[in-house]
C-alpha atoms as a PDB file:
ATOM      1  CA  MET A   1     -10.719  -5.523  12.706  1.00  0.00           C
ATOM      2  CA  SER A   2     -10.076  -1.998  13.928  1.00  0.00           C
ATOM      3  CA  PRO A   3      -7.931   0.482  11.940  1.00  0.00           C
ATOM      4  CA  VAL A   4      -5.323   0.463  14.720  1.00  0.00           C
ATOM      5  CA  ASN A   5      -4.912  -3.299  14.539  1.00  0.00           C
ATOM      6  CA  ARG A   6      -4.483  -3.107  10.787  1.00  0.00           C
ATOM      7  CA  THR A   7      -1.554  -0.726  11.281  1.00  0.00           C
ATOM      8  CA  GLN A   8       0.278  -2.736  13.945  1.00  0.00           C
ATOM      9  CA  ALA A   9       3.688  -4.019  12.892  1.00  0.00           C
ATOM     10  CA  ARG A  10       3.180  -7.642  11.972  1.00  0.00           C
ATOM     11  CA  PRO A  11       6.265  -9.198  10.342  1.00  0.00           C
ATOM     12  CA  ARG A  12       4.517  -9.687   7.008  1.00  0.00           C
ATOM     13  CA  ASP A  13       3.397  -6.042   6.971  1.00  0.00           C
ATOM     14  CA  VAL A  14       6.917  -4.820   7.703  1.00  0.00           C
ATOM     15  CA  ALA A  15       8.311  -7.142   5.021  1.00  0.00           C
ATOM     16  CA  ALA A  16       5.801  -5.852   2.448  1.00  0.00           C
ATOM     17  CA  LEU A  17       6.611  -2.271   3.334  1.00  0.00           C
ATOM     18  CA  ALA A  18      10.343  -2.961   3.081  1.00  0.00           C
ATOM     19  CA  ALA A  19       9.869  -4.566  -0.348  1.00  0.00           C
ATOM     20  CA  ALA A  20       7.970  -1.504  -1.594  1.00  0.00           C
ATOM     21  CA  THR A  21      10.656   0.760  -0.131  1.00  0.00           C
ATOM     22  CA  LEU A  22      13.356  -1.219  -1.905  1.00  0.00           C
ATOM     23  CA  ALA A  23      11.548  -0.777  -5.234  1.00  0.00           C
ATOM     24  CA  VAL A  24      11.162   2.985  -4.752  1.00  0.00           C
ATOM     25  CA  GLY A  25      14.805   3.234  -3.664  1.00  0.00           C
ATOM     26  CA  ALA A  26      15.823   1.480  -6.869  1.00  0.00           C
ATOM     27  CA  SER A  27      13.877   4.006  -8.921  1.00  0.00           C
ATOM     28  CA  PHE A  28      15.606   6.818  -7.023  1.00  0.00           C
ATOM     29  CA  GLY A  29      19.058   5.422  -7.773  1.00  0.00           C
ATOM     30  CA  ALA A  30      18.257   4.886 -11.438  1.00  0.00           C
ATOM     31  CA  ILE A  31      16.700   8.330 -11.872  1.00  0.00           C
ATOM     32  CA  THR A  32      19.750   9.985 -10.340  1.00  0.00           C
ATOM     33  CA  ILE A  33      21.969   8.279 -12.915  1.00  0.00           C
ATOM     34  CA  ALA A  34      19.527   9.322 -15.653  1.00  0.00           C
ATOM     35  CA  TYR A  35      19.968  12.944 -14.576  1.00  0.00           C
ATOM     36  CA  GLY A  36      23.702  12.585 -15.215  1.00  0.00           C
ATOM     37  CA  LEU A  37      24.674  12.971 -11.562  1.00  0.00           C
ATOM     38  CA  PRO A  38      27.625  10.997 -10.113  1.00  0.00           C
ATOM     39  CA  ALA A  39      26.945   7.460  -8.922  1.00  0.00           C
ATOM     40  CA  TRP A  40      28.139   8.174  -5.377  1.00  0.00           C
ATOM     41  CA  LEU A  41      25.560  10.927  -4.812  1.00  0.00           C
ATOM     42  CA  PRO A  42      22.373   8.820  -4.424  1.00  0.00           C
ATOM     43  CA  THR A  43      24.146   6.354  -2.139  1.00  0.00           C
ATOM     44  CA  LEU A  44      25.498   9.129   0.067  1.00  0.00           C
ATOM     45  CA  MET A  45      22.111  10.863   0.190  1.00  0.00           C
ATOM     46  CA  SER A  46      20.313   7.649   1.124  1.00  0.00           C
ATOM     47  CA  VAL A  47      22.617   7.164   4.101  1.00  0.00           C
ATOM     48  CA  VAL A  48      22.957  10.761   5.266  1.00  0.00           C
ATOM     49  CA  VAL A  49      19.563  12.211   4.313  1.00  0.00           C
ATOM     50  CA  PHE A  50      17.215   9.185   4.218  1.00  0.00           C
ATOM     51  CA  ALA A  51      14.207  11.283   3.288  1.00  0.00           C
ATOM     52  CA  GLY A  52      12.509   9.579   0.352  1.00  0.00           C
ATOM     53  CA  GLY A  53      10.461  12.276  -1.343  1.00  0.00           C
ATOM     54  CA  ALA A  54      12.915  15.026  -0.428  1.00  0.00           C
ATOM     55  CA  GLN A  55      15.706  13.056  -2.118  1.00  0.00           C
ATOM     56  CA  PHE A  56      13.743  12.731  -5.367  1.00  0.00           C
ATOM     57  CA  LEU A  57      12.988  16.434  -5.298  1.00  0.00           C
ATOM     58  CA  ALA A  58      16.565  17.353  -4.454  1.00  0.00           C
ATOM     59  CA  VAL A  59      18.230  15.412  -7.266  1.00  0.00           C
ATOM     60  CA  GLY A  60      15.855  16.954  -9.774  1.00  0.00           C
ATOM     61  CA  LEU A  61      16.730  20.434  -8.581  1.00  0.00           C
ATOM     62  CA  PHE A  62      20.440  19.604  -8.411  1.00  0.00           C
ATOM     63  CA  ALA A  63      20.287  18.413 -12.006  1.00  0.00           C
ATOM     64  CA  ALA A  64      18.530  21.654 -12.962  1.00  0.00           C
ATOM     65  CA  GLY A  65      21.352  23.632 -11.358  1.00  0.00           C
ATOM     66  CA  ASN A  66      19.416  25.029  -8.403  1.00  0.00           C
ATOM     67  CA  PRO A  67      20.909  23.583  -5.177  1.00  0.00           C
ATOM     68  CA  ILE A  68      19.502  26.372  -2.983  1.00  0.00           C
ATOM     69  CA  ALA A  69      15.962  25.532  -4.046  1.00  0.00           C
ATOM     70  CA  ALA A  70      16.762  21.864  -3.370  1.00  0.00           C
ATOM     71  CA  VAL A  71      17.717  22.627   0.235  1.00  0.00           C
ATOM     72  CA  LEU A  72      14.720  24.901   0.854  1.00  0.00           C
ATOM     73  CA  ALA A  73      12.279  22.461  -0.710  1.00  0.00           C
ATOM     74  CA  GLY A  74      13.708  19.618   1.363  1.00  0.00           C
ATOM     75  CA  LEU A  75      13.311  21.593   4.574  1.00  0.00           C
ATOM     76  CA  LEU A  76       9.719  22.491   3.751  1.00  0.00           C
ATOM     77  CA  LEU A  77       8.842  18.963   2.694  1.00  0.00           C
ATOM     78  CA  ASN A  78      10.222  17.501   5.924  1.00  0.00           C
ATOM     79  CA  ALA A  79       8.759  20.132   8.247  1.00  0.00           C
ATOM     80  CA  ARG A  80       6.111  17.555   9.192  1.00  0.00           C
ATOM     81  CA  HIS A  81       8.809  15.712  11.161  1.00  0.00           C
ATOM     82  CA  LEU A  82       8.551  18.333  13.899  1.00  0.00           C
ATOM     83  CA  PRO A  83       5.120  17.168  15.129  1.00  0.00           C
ATOM     84  CA  PHE A  84       6.160  13.572  14.405  1.00  0.00           C
ATOM     85  CA  GLY A  85       9.135  14.002  16.718  1.00  0.00           C
ATOM     86  CA  LEU A  86       6.967  15.396  19.482  1.00  0.00           C
ATOM     87  CA  ALA A  87       4.600  12.435  19.121  1.00  0.00           C
ATOM     88  CA  VAL A  88       7.295   9.757  19.466  1.00  0.00           C
ATOM     89  CA  ALA A  89       9.734  11.531  21.798  1.00  0.00           C
ATOM     90  CA  ASP A  90       8.767   9.385  24.780  1.00  0.00           C
ATOM     91  CA  THR A  91       9.157   6.233  22.691  1.00  0.00           C
ATOM     92  CA  LEU A  92      12.769   7.053  21.858  1.00  0.00           C
ATOM     93  CA  GLY A  93      13.615   7.594  25.513  1.00  0.00           C
ATOM     94  CA  PRO A  94      15.655  10.264  27.293  1.00  0.00           C
ATOM     95  CA  ARG A  95      19.125   9.393  25.957  1.00  0.00           C
ATOM     96  CA  TRP A  96      20.444  11.817  23.346  1.00  0.00           C
ATOM     97  CA  ARG A  97      22.082   9.023  21.352  1.00  0.00           C
ATOM     98  CA  ASP A  98      18.779   7.235  20.865  1.00  0.00           C
ATOM     99  CA  ARG A  99      16.985  10.473  20.022  1.00  0.00           C
ATOM    100  CA  LEU A 100      19.544  11.565  17.450  1.00  0.00           C
ATOM    101  CA  ILE A 101      19.620   8.204  15.682  1.00  0.00           C
ATOM    102  CA  GLY A 102      15.874   7.760  16.006  1.00  0.00           C
ATOM    103  CA  SER A 103      15.133  11.182  14.539  1.00  0.00           C
ATOM    104  CA  HIS A 104      17.353  10.396  11.556  1.00  0.00           C
ATOM    105  CA  LEU A 105      15.439   7.164  10.901  1.00  0.00           C
ATOM    106  CA  MET A 106      12.016   8.776  11.344  1.00  0.00           C
ATOM    107  CA  THR A 107       9.585   8.357   8.442  1.00  0.00           C
ATOM    108  CA  ASP A 108       5.823   8.582   8.044  1.00  0.00           C
ATOM    109  CA  GLU A 109       5.507   4.806   8.081  1.00  0.00           C
ATOM    110  CA  VAL A 110       7.669   4.394  11.178  1.00  0.00           C
ATOM    111  CA  VAL A 111       5.566   6.895  13.118  1.00  0.00           C
ATOM    112  CA  ALA A 112       2.283   5.344  11.920  1.00  0.00           C
ATOM    113  CA  PHE A 113       3.258   1.836  13.004  1.00  0.00           C
ATOM    114  CA  THR A 114       4.663   3.091  16.302  1.00  0.00           C
ATOM    115  CA  LEU A 115       1.625   5.100  17.340  1.00  0.00           C
ATOM    116  CA  ALA A 116      -0.635   2.151  16.538  1.00  0.00           C
ATOM    117  CA  GLU A 117       0.836   0.316  19.530  1.00  0.00           C
ATOM    118  CA  THR A 118      -0.512   1.038  22.997  1.00  0.00           C
ATOM    119  CA  ASP A 119       2.149  -0.612  25.143  1.00  0.00           C
ATOM    120  CA  PRO A 120       5.267   1.582  25.611  1.00  0.00           C
ATOM    121  CA  ALA A 121       7.643  -1.369  25.244  1.00  0.00           C
ATOM    122  CA  ALA A 122       5.865  -2.502  22.076  1.00  0.00           C
ATOM    123  CA  ARG A 123       6.076   1.023  20.700  1.00  0.00           C
ATOM    124  CA  ARG A 124       9.803   1.189  21.219  1.00  0.00           C
ATOM    125  CA  ARG A 125      10.355  -2.247  19.693  1.00  0.00           C
ATOM    126  CA  THR A 126       8.149  -1.414  16.721  1.00  0.00           C
ATOM    127  CA  TYR A 127       9.872   1.906  16.092  1.00  0.00           C
ATOM    128  CA  TRP A 128      13.329   0.392  15.770  1.00  0.00           C
ATOM    129  CA  LEU A 129      12.139  -2.680  13.857  1.00  0.00           C
ATOM    130  CA  VAL A 130      10.355  -0.675  11.167  1.00  0.00           C
ATOM    131  CA  ALA A 131      12.977   2.087  11.051  1.00  0.00           C
ATOM    132  CA  VAL A 132      15.965  -0.234  10.579  1.00  0.00           C
ATOM    133  CA  SER A 133      14.061  -2.379   8.056  1.00  0.00           C
ATOM    134  CA  LEU A 134      13.241   0.652   5.923  1.00  0.00           C
ATOM    135  CA  LEU A 135      16.762   2.065   6.191  1.00  0.00           C
ATOM    136  CA  VAL A 136      18.281  -1.178   4.937  1.00  0.00           C
ATOM    137  CA  ALA A 137      15.678  -1.634   2.196  1.00  0.00           C
ATOM    138  CA  TRP A 138      16.013   1.960   0.968  1.00  0.00           C
ATOM    139  CA  ASN A 139      19.802   1.827   0.755  1.00  0.00           C
ATOM    140  CA  VAL A 140      19.892  -1.599  -0.882  1.00  0.00           C
ATOM    141  CA  GLY A 141      17.316  -0.378  -3.386  1.00  0.00           C
ATOM    142  CA  THR A 142      19.341   2.747  -4.092  1.00  0.00           C
ATOM    143  CA  VAL A 143      22.471   0.721  -4.851  1.00  0.00           C
ATOM    144  CA  LEU A 144      20.499  -1.629  -7.119  1.00  0.00           C
ATOM    145  CA  GLY A 145      19.028   1.379  -8.915  1.00  0.00           C
ATOM    146  CA  VAL A 146      22.458   2.890  -9.476  1.00  0.00           C
ATOM    147  CA  LEU A 147      23.719  -0.411 -10.893  1.00  0.00           C
ATOM    148  CA  LEU A 148      20.593  -0.796 -13.006  1.00  0.00           C
ATOM    149  CA  GLY A 149      20.841   2.762 -14.312  1.00  0.00           C
ATOM    150  CA  GLY A 150      24.488   2.324 -15.207  1.00  0.00           C
ATOM    151  CA  ALA A 151      23.856  -1.030 -16.898  1.00  0.00           C
ATOM    152  CA  THR A 152      20.931   0.070 -19.061  1.00  0.00           C
ATOM    153  CA  GLY A 153      22.492   3.383 -20.049  1.00  0.00           C
ATOM    154  CA  ASP A 154      19.024   4.907 -20.375  1.00  0.00           C
ATOM    155  CA  PRO A 155      16.814   4.375 -17.291  1.00  0.00           C
ATOM    156  CA  ASP A 156      14.081   6.472 -18.915  1.00  0.00           C
ATOM    157  CA  ALA A 157      13.512   3.554 -21.280  1.00  0.00           C
ATOM    158  CA  LEU A 158      12.263   1.567 -18.281  1.00  0.00           C
ATOM    159  CA  GLY A 159       9.790   4.277 -17.326  1.00  0.00           C
ATOM    160  CA  LEU A 160      11.504   4.890 -13.993  1.00  0.00           C
ATOM    161  CA  ASP A 161      11.332   8.639 -14.546  1.00  0.00           C
ATOM    162  CA  ALA A 162       7.579   8.367 -14.033  1.00  0.00           C
ATOM    163  CA  ALA A 163       7.771   6.091 -10.996  1.00  0.00           C
ATOM    164  CA  PHE A 164       8.037   8.797  -8.355  1.00  0.00           C
ATOM    165  CA  PRO A 165       5.326  11.130  -9.711  1.00  0.00           C
ATOM    166  CA  ALA A 166       3.022   8.127 -10.049  1.00  0.00           C
ATOM    167  CA  GLY A 167       3.799   7.086  -6.478  1.00  0.00           C
ATOM    168  CA  LEU A 168       3.101  10.558  -5.142  1.00  0.00           C
ATOM    169  CA  ILE A 169      -0.225  10.725  -6.967  1.00  0.00           C
ATOM    170  CA  ALA A 170      -1.204   7.358  -5.479  1.00  0.00           C
ATOM    171  CA  LEU A 171      -0.284   8.606  -1.995  1.00  0.00           C
ATOM    172  CA  ILE A 172      -2.287  11.828  -2.185  1.00  0.00           C
ATOM    173  CA  LEU A 173      -5.423  10.461  -3.864  1.00  0.00           C
ATOM    174  CA  PRO A 174      -7.120   9.400  -0.595  1.00  0.00           C
ATOM    175  CA  SER A 175      -6.469  12.863   0.881  1.00  0.00           C
ATOM    176  CA  LEU A 176      -8.160  14.552  -2.063  1.00  0.00           C
ATOM    177  CA  ARG A 177     -11.545  13.410  -0.797  1.00  0.00           C
ATOM    178  CA  ASP A 178     -11.364  16.362   1.587  1.00  0.00           C
ATOM    179  CA  ARG A 179     -12.608  19.528  -0.139  1.00  0.00           C
ATOM    180  CA  ASP A 180     -10.062  21.902   1.410  1.00  0.00           C
ATOM    181  CA  THR A 181      -7.157  19.573   0.645  1.00  0.00           C
ATOM    182  CA  ARG A 182      -8.372  19.244  -2.921  1.00  0.00           C
ATOM    183  CA  LEU A 183      -8.544  23.020  -3.342  1.00  0.00           C
ATOM    184  CA  VAL A 184      -5.031  23.486  -1.923  1.00  0.00           C
ATOM    185  CA  ALA A 185      -3.563  20.762  -4.158  1.00  0.00           C
ATOM    186  CA  LEU A 186      -5.219  22.042  -7.329  1.00  0.00           C
ATOM    187  CA  SER A 187      -4.348  25.666  -6.572  1.00  0.00           C
ATOM    188  CA  GLY A 188      -0.712  24.802  -5.862  1.00  0.00           C
ATOM    189  CA  ALA A 189      -0.458  22.696  -9.017  1.00  0.00           C
ATOM    190  CA  ALA A 190      -1.946  25.509 -11.122  1.00  0.00           C
ATOM    191  CA  ILE A 191       0.474  28.060  -9.653  1.00  0.00           C
ATOM    192  CA  ALA A 192       3.472  25.803 -10.301  1.00  0.00           C
ATOM    193  CA  VAL A 193       2.419  25.132 -13.909  1.00  0.00           C
ATOM    194  CA  LEU A 194       1.810  28.824 -14.634  1.00  0.00           C
ATOM    195  CA  LEU A 195       5.150  29.915 -13.176  1.00  0.00           C
ATOM    196  CA  THR A 196       7.276  27.158 -14.726  1.00  0.00           C
ATOM    197  CA  PRO A 197       7.975  29.101 -17.971  1.00  0.00           C
ATOM    198  CA  VAL A 198       9.087  32.258 -16.146  1.00  0.00           C
ATOM    199  CA  LEU A 199      10.926  31.070 -12.999  1.00  0.00           C
ATOM    200  CA  PRO A 200      14.153  29.079 -12.589  1.00  0.00           C
ATOM    201  CA  ALA A 201      13.843  25.348 -11.966  1.00  0.00           C
ATOM    202  CA  GLY A 202      12.745  24.551  -8.428  1.00  0.00           C
ATOM    203  CA  LEU A 203      11.089  27.864  -7.630  1.00  0.00           C
ATOM    204  CA  PRO A 204       7.691  26.927  -9.110  1.00  0.00           C
ATOM    205  CA  VAL A 205       7.582  23.993  -6.668  1.00  0.00           C
ATOM    206  CA  LEU A 206       8.176  26.364  -3.753  1.00  0.00           C
ATOM    207  CA  ALA A 207       5.658  28.850  -5.167  1.00  0.00           C
ATOM    208  CA  ALA A 208       3.056  26.066  -5.129  1.00  0.00           C
ATOM    209  CA  LEU A 209       2.909  26.580  -1.356  1.00  0.00           C
ATOM    210  CA  LEU A 210       0.883  29.706  -2.134  1.00  0.00           C
ATOM    211  CA  GLY A 211      -1.973  27.288  -2.716  1.00  0.00           C
ATOM    212  CA  LEU A 212      -2.330  27.174   1.073  1.00  0.00           C
ATOM    213  CA  LEU A 213      -3.765  30.694   0.916  1.00  0.00           C
ATOM    214  CA  VAL A 214      -7.099  29.280  -0.221  1.00  0.00           C
ATOM    215  CA  LEU A 215      -7.564  28.036   3.349  1.00  0.00           C
ATOM    216  CA  PHE A 216      -7.892  31.663   4.463  1.00  0.00           C
ATOM    217  CA  ARG A 217     -10.649  32.499   2.010  1.00  0.00           C
ATOM    218  CA  PRO A 218     -13.867  33.913   3.547  1.00  0.00           C
ATOM    219  CA  THR A 219     -16.588  31.330   3.913  1.00  0.00           C
ATOM    220  CA  ARG A 220     -20.259  31.944   3.368  1.00  0.00           C
ATOM    221  CA  ARG A 221     -22.725  31.093   6.063  1.00  0.00           C
ATOM    222  CA  ALA A 222     -25.789  29.107   5.224  1.00  0.00           C
ATOM    223  CA  GLY A 223     -28.424  31.305   3.633  1.00  0.00           C
ATOM    224  CA  GLY A 224     -25.842  33.759   2.325  1.00  0.00           C
ATOM    225  CA  GLY A 225     -25.102  35.155   5.780  1.00  0.00           C
ATOM    226  CA  ARG A 226     -28.387  37.065   5.980  1.00  0.00           C
ATOM    227  CA  PRO A 227     -30.431  36.955   9.191  1.00  0.00           C
ATOM    228  CA  PRO A 228     -33.788  35.205   8.931  1.00  0.00           C
ATOM    229  CA  VAL A 229     -36.593  37.507   7.859  1.00  0.00           C
ATOM    230  CA  ARG A 230     -39.668  37.522  10.043  1.00  0.00           C
ATOM    231  CA  ALA A 231     -42.887  37.087   8.132  1.00  0.00           C
ATOM    232  CA  SER A 232     -45.183  40.060   8.305  1.00  0.00           C
ATOM    233  CA  GLY A 233     -47.961  38.051   9.886  1.00  0.00           C
ATOM    234  CA  ASP A 234     -45.814  36.476  12.628  1.00  0.00           C
ATOM    235  CA  PRO A 235     -46.652  37.640  16.120  1.00  0.00           C
ATOM    236  CA  GLU A 236     -43.899  39.552  17.891  1.00  0.00           C
ATOM    237  CA  GLU A 237     -42.074  37.871  20.763  1.00  0.00           C
ATOM    238  CA  LYS A 238     -43.259  38.921  24.139  1.00  0.00           C
ATOM    239  CA  THR A 239     -40.764  40.206  26.634  1.00  0.00           C
ATOM    240  CA  CYS A 240     -41.008  39.732  30.340  1.00  0.00           C
END
């Protein structure tokens, strides 16, 4: 079976993805309560923002008292939606209503499932099916997490504070097979760890973007960049 076929939106695949989204949404709701933030905040964010990782990052920075860093980090984290939007613009159609709603519901998974389809009608159907399924699952999960966090009194006791970092690590592990990606990730992590004691909360995360500078490092050519040396006994090339 080809990789494209494995990504196409079969009902069982969408259901499995929605179930996973619900679980992560529950951890988000519970973690927000653990940070001492009001119960209405995660629910409002899940409806208005609907940005998964950016929401986790934002509530952590809000709790640390750095809302400006939360906004900047969210914008940087979701900058990938610009090329995503260009890729699925035709799928959403020319009407502004569809484009506005569709852009709000856009996630990595929605774009992946959509682009796996070759038929334009199937792409449009897949986009809305996956997008609405994830929106519902994420918001239901968030509400359950808020209720769970309020009922337990200490969501950290359930280990939910580690759920999002563990999920992110699982997501990036396949990408770390690439040498350049691995260097960027390790450099950014090192920068963030080193700056954490001296910068306000949230800024070390933004400073980790400096890890991208390793992509501009000079590369050595094979053989150290030196031209091949002609042996003393080799005959000289003849010119016409």
